[in-house]
């Protein structure tokens, strides 16, 4: 798995929205400025996350984006899969986009890449947007 720039920006935007959860919509400009993300690129990312059912949007002067679910219910794995696709380094070990390989049963590479997939998924499935918000707040209070 390689996290793209788009995936990184999606996670950073979700963290901002997690920090603002319950406080009404957050404008794209505010997210872009806080996270140094190009506004036009961010618009595309947020629209994709909205289509996937993670965000709601409100039009108008006080409008913006907000999380549909609480931040503790959104895993990093879910966001990454929406933006970048499967977590697996090879399609033969993917649980989401599995492609059967004829040599899979005898392939040593398959076994290693399956372990890699399991390790990555094990971390990302168990870390939520709320966890990252908490870590960010802790880091800010230490400085």
N, C-alpha and C. Protein backbone atom coordinates (compact mmCIF):
# COMPACT_ATOMS: atom_id res chain seq x y z
N UNK A 1 0.84 -1.19 0.00
CA UNK A 1 0.00 0.00 0.00
C UNK A 1 0.88 1.24 0.00
N UNK A 2 0.53 2.17 -0.85
CA UNK A 2 1.20 3.46 -0.85
C UNK A 2 0.11 4.51 -0.71
N UNK A 3 0.25 5.32 0.31
CA UNK A 3 -0.72 6.38 0.53
C UNK A 3 -0.40 7.52 -0.44
N UNK A 4 -1.37 7.85 -1.28
CA UNK A 4 -1.19 8.95 -2.24
C UNK A 4 -1.31 10.29 -1.54
N UNK A 5 -0.94 11.34 -2.24
CA UNK A 5 -1.12 12.70 -1.73
C UNK A 5 -2.60 12.95 -1.48
N UNK A 6 -3.44 12.47 -2.39
CA UNK A 6 -4.88 12.60 -2.25
C UNK A 6 -5.37 11.90 -0.98
N UNK A 7 -4.84 10.71 -0.71
CA UNK A 7 -5.19 9.97 0.50
C UNK A 7 -4.75 10.70 1.76
N UNK A 8 -3.55 11.25 1.72
CA UNK A 8 -3.04 12.03 2.86
C UNK A 8 -3.93 13.24 3.11
N UNK A 9 -4.27 13.97 2.06
CA UNK A 9 -5.13 15.14 2.21
C UNK A 9 -6.51 14.75 2.73
N UNK A 10 -7.03 13.63 2.27
CA UNK A 10 -8.34 13.17 2.75
C UNK A 10 -8.28 12.91 4.25
N UNK A 11 -7.24 12.24 4.71
CA UNK A 11 -7.09 11.96 6.14
C UNK A 11 -6.96 13.25 6.93
N UNK A 12 -6.15 14.18 6.43
CA UNK A 12 -5.96 15.45 7.14
C UNK A 12 -7.27 16.24 7.21
N UNK A 13 -8.05 16.23 6.12
CA UNK A 13 -9.35 16.91 6.13
C UNK A 13 -10.30 16.24 7.10
N UNK A 14 -10.29 14.92 7.14
CA UNK A 14 -11.17 14.20 8.07
C UNK A 14 -10.80 14.50 9.52
N UNK A 15 -9.54 14.70 9.79
CA UNK A 15 -9.10 15.04 11.14
C UNK A 15 -9.64 16.43 11.54
N UNK A 16 -9.54 17.38 10.63
CA UNK A 16 -10.10 18.71 10.90
C UNK A 16 -11.60 18.59 11.17
N UNK A 17 -12.29 17.85 10.32
CA UNK A 17 -13.73 17.68 10.51
C UNK A 17 -14.04 16.92 11.79
N UNK A 18 -13.17 16.02 12.18
CA UNK A 18 -13.32 15.31 13.45
C UNK A 18 -13.17 16.25 14.62
N UNK A 19 -12.21 17.16 14.53
CA UNK A 19 -12.01 18.15 15.59
C UNK A 19 -13.21 19.09 15.71
N UNK A 20 -13.87 19.35 14.60
CA UNK A 20 -15.00 20.28 14.57
C UNK A 20 -16.34 19.57 14.71
N UNK A 21 -16.32 18.26 14.91
CA UNK A 21 -17.56 17.46 14.96
C UNK A 21 -18.53 18.01 16.01
N UNK A 22 -19.77 18.17 15.58
CA UNK A 22 -20.81 18.67 16.48
C UNK A 22 -20.92 20.18 16.50
N UNK A 23 -20.01 20.86 15.84
CA UNK A 23 -20.02 22.32 15.85
C UNK A 23 -20.53 22.95 14.58
N UNK A 24 -21.21 22.19 13.75
CA UNK A 24 -21.72 22.72 12.49
C UNK A 24 -20.74 22.51 11.36
N UNK A 25 -21.13 22.91 10.17
CA UNK A 25 -20.28 22.69 8.99
C UNK A 25 -18.99 23.52 9.03
N UNK A 26 -17.96 22.95 8.42
CA UNK A 26 -16.67 23.63 8.31
C UNK A 26 -16.45 23.95 6.83
N UNK A 27 -16.11 25.20 6.55
CA UNK A 27 -15.92 25.63 5.17
C UNK A 27 -14.65 25.03 4.58
N UNK A 28 -14.70 24.77 3.28
CA UNK A 28 -13.56 24.21 2.56
C UNK A 28 -12.34 25.11 2.73
N UNK A 29 -12.54 26.39 2.64
CA UNK A 29 -11.42 27.34 2.76
C UNK A 29 -10.71 27.17 4.10
N UNK A 30 -11.47 26.98 5.18
CA UNK A 30 -10.88 26.82 6.50
C UNK A 30 -10.04 25.54 6.57
N UNK A 31 -10.57 24.44 6.03
CA UNK A 31 -9.82 23.19 6.03
C UNK A 31 -8.55 23.34 5.20
N UNK A 32 -8.70 23.92 4.02
CA UNK A 32 -7.56 24.11 3.11
C UNK A 32 -6.48 24.96 3.76
N UNK A 33 -6.88 26.04 4.42
CA UNK A 33 -5.91 26.93 5.07
C UNK A 33 -5.23 26.24 6.26
N UNK A 34 -5.99 25.56 7.08
CA UNK A 34 -5.42 24.90 8.27
C UNK A 34 -4.44 23.80 7.90
N UNK A 35 -4.73 23.08 6.81
CA UNK A 35 -3.92 21.92 6.45
C UNK A 35 -3.02 22.15 5.22
N UNK A 36 -3.04 23.37 4.70
CA UNK A 36 -2.22 23.72 3.54
C UNK A 36 -2.50 22.77 2.36
N UNK A 37 -3.77 22.63 2.04
CA UNK A 37 -4.23 21.77 0.94
C UNK A 37 -4.79 22.67 -0.15
N UNK A 38 -4.42 22.45 -1.41
CA UNK A 38 -5.02 23.25 -2.49
C UNK A 38 -6.55 23.11 -2.48
N UNK A 39 -7.23 24.25 -2.50
CA UNK A 39 -8.68 24.28 -2.33
C UNK A 39 -9.42 23.47 -3.40
N UNK A 40 -9.06 23.62 -4.64
CA UNK A 40 -9.73 22.89 -5.73
C UNK A 40 -9.56 21.38 -5.57
N UNK A 41 -8.37 20.95 -5.20
CA UNK A 41 -8.11 19.53 -4.98
C UNK A 41 -8.92 19.03 -3.79
N UNK A 42 -8.99 19.83 -2.74
CA UNK A 42 -9.76 19.47 -1.55
C UNK A 42 -11.24 19.33 -1.88
N UNK A 43 -11.77 20.20 -2.73
CA UNK A 43 -13.17 20.11 -3.13
C UNK A 43 -13.48 18.75 -3.74
N UNK A 44 -12.60 18.26 -4.61
CA UNK A 44 -12.78 16.95 -5.25
C UNK A 44 -12.75 15.83 -4.21
N UNK A 45 -11.81 15.92 -3.28
CA UNK A 45 -11.66 14.90 -2.24
C UNK A 45 -12.90 14.85 -1.35
N UNK A 46 -13.36 16.01 -0.91
CA UNK A 46 -14.53 16.06 -0.03
C UNK A 46 -15.78 15.56 -0.73
N UNK A 47 -15.91 15.84 -2.00
CA UNK A 47 -17.05 15.36 -2.77
C UNK A 47 -17.02 13.82 -2.84
N UNK A 48 -15.85 13.27 -3.03
CA UNK A 48 -15.70 11.81 -3.07
C UNK A 48 -16.06 11.18 -1.72
N UNK A 49 -15.63 11.80 -0.64
CA UNK A 49 -15.96 11.30 0.69
C UNK A 49 -17.46 11.46 0.99
N UNK A 50 -18.06 12.50 0.45
CA UNK A 50 -19.50 12.69 0.60
C UNK A 50 -20.26 11.60 -0.14
N UNK A 51 -19.85 11.32 -1.38
CA UNK A 51 -20.50 10.26 -2.17
C UNK A 51 -20.38 8.90 -1.48
N UNK A 52 -19.30 8.71 -0.74
CA UNK A 52 -19.08 7.44 -0.05
C UNK A 52 -19.85 7.35 1.27
N UNK A 53 -20.54 8.43 1.65
CA UNK A 53 -21.38 8.40 2.83
C UNK A 53 -20.70 8.79 4.13
N UNK A 54 -19.55 9.46 4.06
CA UNK A 54 -18.87 9.89 5.28
C UNK A 54 -19.18 11.33 5.65
N UNK A 55 -19.53 12.15 4.65
CA UNK A 55 -19.71 13.58 4.89
C UNK A 55 -21.09 14.05 4.45
N UNK A 56 -21.48 15.14 5.06
CA UNK A 56 -22.68 15.87 4.65
C UNK A 56 -22.22 17.26 4.26
N UNK A 57 -22.94 17.90 3.37
CA UNK A 57 -22.58 19.27 3.00
C UNK A 57 -23.79 20.17 3.12
N UNK A 58 -23.51 21.43 3.43
CA UNK A 58 -24.53 22.45 3.56
C UNK A 58 -24.12 23.61 2.66
N UNK A 59 -25.05 24.08 1.85
CA UNK A 59 -24.77 25.21 0.96
C UNK A 59 -24.98 26.53 1.68
N UNK A 60 -24.43 27.56 1.10
CA UNK A 60 -24.69 28.90 1.61
C UNK A 60 -23.54 29.47 2.41
N UNK A 61 -23.78 30.68 2.92
CA UNK A 61 -22.74 31.44 3.63
C UNK A 61 -22.21 30.69 4.85
N UNK A 62 -23.06 30.05 5.60
CA UNK A 62 -22.62 29.32 6.79
C UNK A 62 -22.41 27.84 6.50
N UNK A 63 -22.32 27.51 5.22
CA UNK A 63 -22.23 26.12 4.81
C UNK A 63 -20.83 25.55 4.87
N UNK A 64 -20.75 24.32 4.49
CA UNK A 64 -19.48 23.61 4.49
C UNK A 64 -19.72 22.12 4.62
N UNK A 65 -18.73 21.43 5.12
CA UNK A 65 -18.81 19.98 5.28
C UNK A 65 -18.77 19.60 6.74
N UNK A 66 -19.42 18.47 7.05
CA UNK A 66 -19.37 17.92 8.39
C UNK A 66 -19.45 16.40 8.30
N UNK A 67 -18.95 15.74 9.33
CA UNK A 67 -18.99 14.29 9.39
C UNK A 67 -20.42 13.83 9.62
N UNK A 68 -20.83 12.76 8.95
CA UNK A 68 -22.15 12.18 9.17
C UNK A 68 -22.14 11.33 10.43
N UNK A 69 -21.04 10.61 10.64
CA UNK A 69 -20.89 9.73 11.80
C UNK A 69 -19.92 10.37 12.79
N UNK A 70 -19.98 9.95 14.04
CA UNK A 70 -19.00 10.43 15.01
C UNK A 70 -17.59 10.00 14.60
N UNK A 71 -16.57 10.80 14.91
CA UNK A 71 -15.20 10.49 14.50
C UNK A 71 -14.70 9.14 15.02
N UNK A 72 -15.24 8.68 16.15
CA UNK A 72 -14.80 7.39 16.69
C UNK A 72 -15.37 6.21 15.89
N UNK A 73 -16.28 6.48 14.95
CA UNK A 73 -16.86 5.44 14.12
C UNK A 73 -16.26 5.39 12.72
N UNK A 74 -15.26 6.20 12.45
CA UNK A 74 -14.64 6.25 11.12
C UNK A 74 -13.18 5.83 11.24
N UNK A 75 -12.83 4.70 10.65
CA UNK A 75 -11.45 4.23 10.71
C UNK A 75 -10.62 4.84 9.58
N UNK A 76 -9.32 4.88 9.82
CA UNK A 76 -8.42 5.36 8.76
C UNK A 76 -8.48 4.43 7.57
N UNK A 77 -8.64 3.13 7.81
CA UNK A 77 -8.73 2.15 6.72
C UNK A 77 -9.88 2.49 5.78
N UNK A 78 -11.01 2.87 6.34
CA UNK A 78 -12.18 3.19 5.51
C UNK A 78 -11.89 4.39 4.60
N UNK A 79 -11.30 5.41 5.15
CA UNK A 79 -10.99 6.61 4.36
C UNK A 79 -9.99 6.28 3.26
N UNK A 80 -8.95 5.55 3.61
CA UNK A 80 -7.91 5.20 2.63
C UNK A 80 -8.50 4.33 1.52
N UNK A 81 -9.33 3.36 1.87
CA UNK A 81 -9.93 2.51 0.84
C UNK A 81 -10.81 3.32 -0.11
N UNK A 82 -11.52 4.30 0.41
CA UNK A 82 -12.37 5.14 -0.45
C UNK A 82 -11.52 5.92 -1.44
N UNK A 83 -10.44 6.48 -0.97
CA UNK A 83 -9.62 7.35 -1.82
C UNK A 83 -8.58 6.59 -2.65
N UNK A 84 -7.87 5.66 -2.01
CA UNK A 84 -6.74 4.99 -2.68
C UNK A 84 -6.99 3.53 -3.05
N UNK A 85 -8.11 2.98 -2.63
CA UNK A 85 -8.39 1.58 -2.96
C UNK A 85 -7.87 0.63 -1.89
N UNK A 86 -7.67 -0.63 -2.26
CA UNK A 86 -7.30 -1.67 -1.28
C UNK A 86 -6.01 -1.35 -0.53
N UNK A 87 -5.94 -1.88 0.69
CA UNK A 87 -4.75 -1.70 1.52
C UNK A 87 -3.63 -2.66 1.13
N UNK A 88 -3.97 -3.74 0.45
CA UNK A 88 -3.01 -4.79 0.12
C UNK A 88 -1.97 -4.30 -0.89
N UNK A 89 -0.70 -4.74 -0.72
CA UNK A 89 0.34 -4.35 -1.66
C UNK A 89 0.23 -5.06 -3.01
N UNK A 90 -0.42 -6.23 -3.05
CA UNK A 90 -0.65 -6.97 -4.30
C UNK A 90 -2.12 -7.40 -4.35
N UNK A 91 -2.70 -7.44 -5.53
CA UNK A 91 -4.11 -7.79 -5.65
C UNK A 91 -4.42 -9.23 -5.24
N UNK A 92 -3.42 -10.12 -5.30
CA UNK A 92 -3.67 -11.51 -4.92
C UNK A 92 -3.88 -11.68 -3.41
N UNK A 93 -3.49 -10.69 -2.61
CA UNK A 93 -3.69 -10.77 -1.16
C UNK A 93 -4.77 -9.81 -0.66
N UNK A 94 -5.40 -9.12 -1.59
CA UNK A 94 -6.44 -8.16 -1.22
C UNK A 94 -7.72 -8.87 -0.80
N UNK A 95 -8.33 -8.37 0.26
CA UNK A 95 -9.64 -8.89 0.67
C UNK A 95 -10.75 -8.14 -0.07
N UNK A 96 -10.49 -6.93 -0.48
CA UNK A 96 -11.50 -6.10 -1.13
C UNK A 96 -11.48 -6.29 -2.64
N UNK A 97 -10.31 -6.37 -3.24
CA UNK A 97 -10.19 -6.47 -4.70
C UNK A 97 -9.31 -7.67 -5.08
N UNK A 98 -9.63 -8.81 -4.51
CA UNK A 98 -8.82 -10.02 -4.70
C UNK A 98 -8.83 -10.49 -6.15
N UNK A 99 -7.65 -10.83 -6.65
CA UNK A 99 -7.49 -11.43 -7.96
C UNK A 99 -6.73 -12.73 -7.74
N UNK A 100 -7.36 -13.85 -8.09
CA UNK A 100 -6.76 -15.18 -7.86
C UNK A 100 -5.52 -15.34 -8.73
N UNK A 101 -4.46 -15.82 -8.09
CA UNK A 101 -3.20 -16.07 -8.79
C UNK A 101 -3.03 -17.59 -8.90
N UNK A 102 -2.70 -18.12 -10.08
CA UNK A 102 -2.56 -19.57 -10.23
C UNK A 102 -1.43 -20.17 -9.38
N UNK A 103 -0.42 -19.39 -9.04
CA UNK A 103 0.69 -19.88 -8.23
C UNK A 103 0.53 -19.56 -6.75
N UNK A 104 -0.62 -19.07 -6.36
CA UNK A 104 -0.85 -18.57 -5.01
C UNK A 104 -0.50 -19.61 -3.93
N UNK A 105 -0.86 -20.87 -4.12
CA UNK A 105 -0.64 -21.88 -3.09
C UNK A 105 0.83 -22.19 -2.85
N UNK A 106 1.66 -22.02 -3.86
CA UNK A 106 3.09 -22.31 -3.72
C UNK A 106 3.95 -21.06 -3.64
N UNK A 107 3.36 -19.93 -3.65
CA UNK A 107 4.10 -18.67 -3.77
C UNK A 107 4.54 -18.14 -2.40
N UNK A 108 5.83 -18.05 -2.20
CA UNK A 108 6.35 -17.47 -0.97
C UNK A 108 6.06 -15.98 -0.87
N UNK A 109 6.06 -15.29 -1.99
CA UNK A 109 5.77 -13.87 -2.02
C UNK A 109 4.33 -13.61 -1.55
N UNK A 110 3.43 -14.48 -1.95
CA UNK A 110 2.03 -14.36 -1.52
C UNK A 110 1.93 -14.34 0.00
N UNK A 111 2.62 -15.26 0.64
CA UNK A 111 2.54 -15.38 2.09
C UNK A 111 3.11 -14.12 2.78
N UNK A 112 4.20 -13.61 2.28
CA UNK A 112 4.81 -12.41 2.86
C UNK A 112 3.89 -11.20 2.66
N UNK A 113 3.37 -11.04 1.45
CA UNK A 113 2.51 -9.90 1.16
C UNK A 113 1.18 -9.99 1.92
N UNK A 114 0.73 -11.20 2.19
CA UNK A 114 -0.47 -11.38 3.01
C UNK A 114 -0.19 -10.92 4.44
N UNK A 115 0.99 -11.23 4.95
CA UNK A 115 1.38 -10.76 6.29
C UNK A 115 1.46 -9.24 6.32
N UNK A 116 2.00 -8.65 5.25
CA UNK A 116 2.09 -7.19 5.15
C UNK A 116 0.68 -6.59 5.16
N UNK A 117 -0.21 -7.15 4.34
CA UNK A 117 -1.59 -6.67 4.30
C UNK A 117 -2.26 -6.77 5.67
N UNK A 118 -2.06 -7.90 6.33
CA UNK A 118 -2.68 -8.10 7.64
C UNK A 118 -2.15 -7.09 8.67
N UNK A 119 -0.86 -6.79 8.60
CA UNK A 119 -0.26 -5.84 9.54
C UNK A 119 -0.80 -4.42 9.28
N UNK A 120 -0.84 -4.03 8.03
CA UNK A 120 -1.35 -2.70 7.68
C UNK A 120 -2.82 -2.57 8.07
N UNK A 121 -3.61 -3.55 7.69
CA UNK A 121 -5.04 -3.51 8.01
C UNK A 121 -5.26 -3.56 9.52
N UNK A 122 -4.42 -4.33 10.22
CA UNK A 122 -4.55 -4.43 11.67
C UNK A 122 -4.40 -3.10 12.36
N UNK A 123 -3.52 -2.27 11.85
CA UNK A 123 -3.33 -0.94 12.43
C UNK A 123 -4.44 0.01 11.97
N UNK A 124 -4.64 0.11 10.67
CA UNK A 124 -5.56 1.11 10.13
C UNK A 124 -7.02 0.83 10.44
N UNK A 125 -7.38 -0.43 10.64
CA UNK A 125 -8.76 -0.78 11.02
C UNK A 125 -9.05 -0.45 12.49
N UNK A 126 -7.98 -0.26 13.27
CA UNK A 126 -8.15 -0.03 14.70
C UNK A 126 -7.79 1.38 15.14
N UNK A 127 -7.56 2.26 14.19
CA UNK A 127 -7.30 3.67 14.50
C UNK A 127 -8.41 4.48 13.84
N UNK A 128 -9.05 5.32 14.64
CA UNK A 128 -10.16 6.12 14.13
C UNK A 128 -9.76 7.58 13.98
N UNK A 129 -10.62 8.33 13.33
CA UNK A 129 -10.41 9.78 13.21
C UNK A 129 -10.34 10.39 14.61
N UNK A 130 -11.15 9.91 15.53
CA UNK A 130 -11.13 10.43 16.91
C UNK A 130 -9.77 10.17 17.56
N UNK A 131 -9.18 8.99 17.31
CA UNK A 131 -7.86 8.68 17.87
C UNK A 131 -6.81 9.67 17.39
N UNK A 132 -6.85 10.00 16.10
CA UNK A 132 -5.87 10.94 15.54
C UNK A 132 -6.12 12.34 16.08
N UNK A 133 -7.37 12.73 16.23
CA UNK A 133 -7.69 14.04 16.83
C UNK A 133 -7.11 14.12 18.24
N UNK A 134 -7.26 13.04 18.99
CA UNK A 134 -6.73 13.00 20.36
C UNK A 134 -5.20 13.09 20.35
N UNK A 135 -4.57 12.36 19.44
CA UNK A 135 -3.10 12.41 19.33
C UNK A 135 -2.62 13.80 18.95
N UNK A 136 -3.36 14.45 18.05
CA UNK A 136 -3.00 15.80 17.63
C UNK A 136 -3.10 16.77 18.81
N UNK A 137 -4.17 16.65 19.59
CA UNK A 137 -4.36 17.52 20.76
C UNK A 137 -3.26 17.28 21.78
N UNK A 138 -2.87 16.03 22.00
CA UNK A 138 -1.79 15.71 22.92
C UNK A 138 -0.47 16.31 22.45
N UNK A 139 -0.19 16.20 21.16
CA UNK A 139 1.04 16.75 20.60
C UNK A 139 1.07 18.27 20.74
N UNK A 140 -0.08 18.91 20.53
CA UNK A 140 -0.15 20.37 20.65
C UNK A 140 0.07 20.83 22.08
N UNK A 141 -0.42 20.06 23.05
CA UNK A 141 -0.27 20.45 24.44
C UNK A 141 1.14 20.21 24.96
N UNK A 142 1.91 19.36 24.27
CA UNK A 142 3.30 19.10 24.69
C UNK A 142 4.25 20.18 24.23
N UNK A 143 3.85 20.94 23.21
CA UNK A 143 4.77 21.97 22.68
C UNK A 143 4.60 23.31 23.35
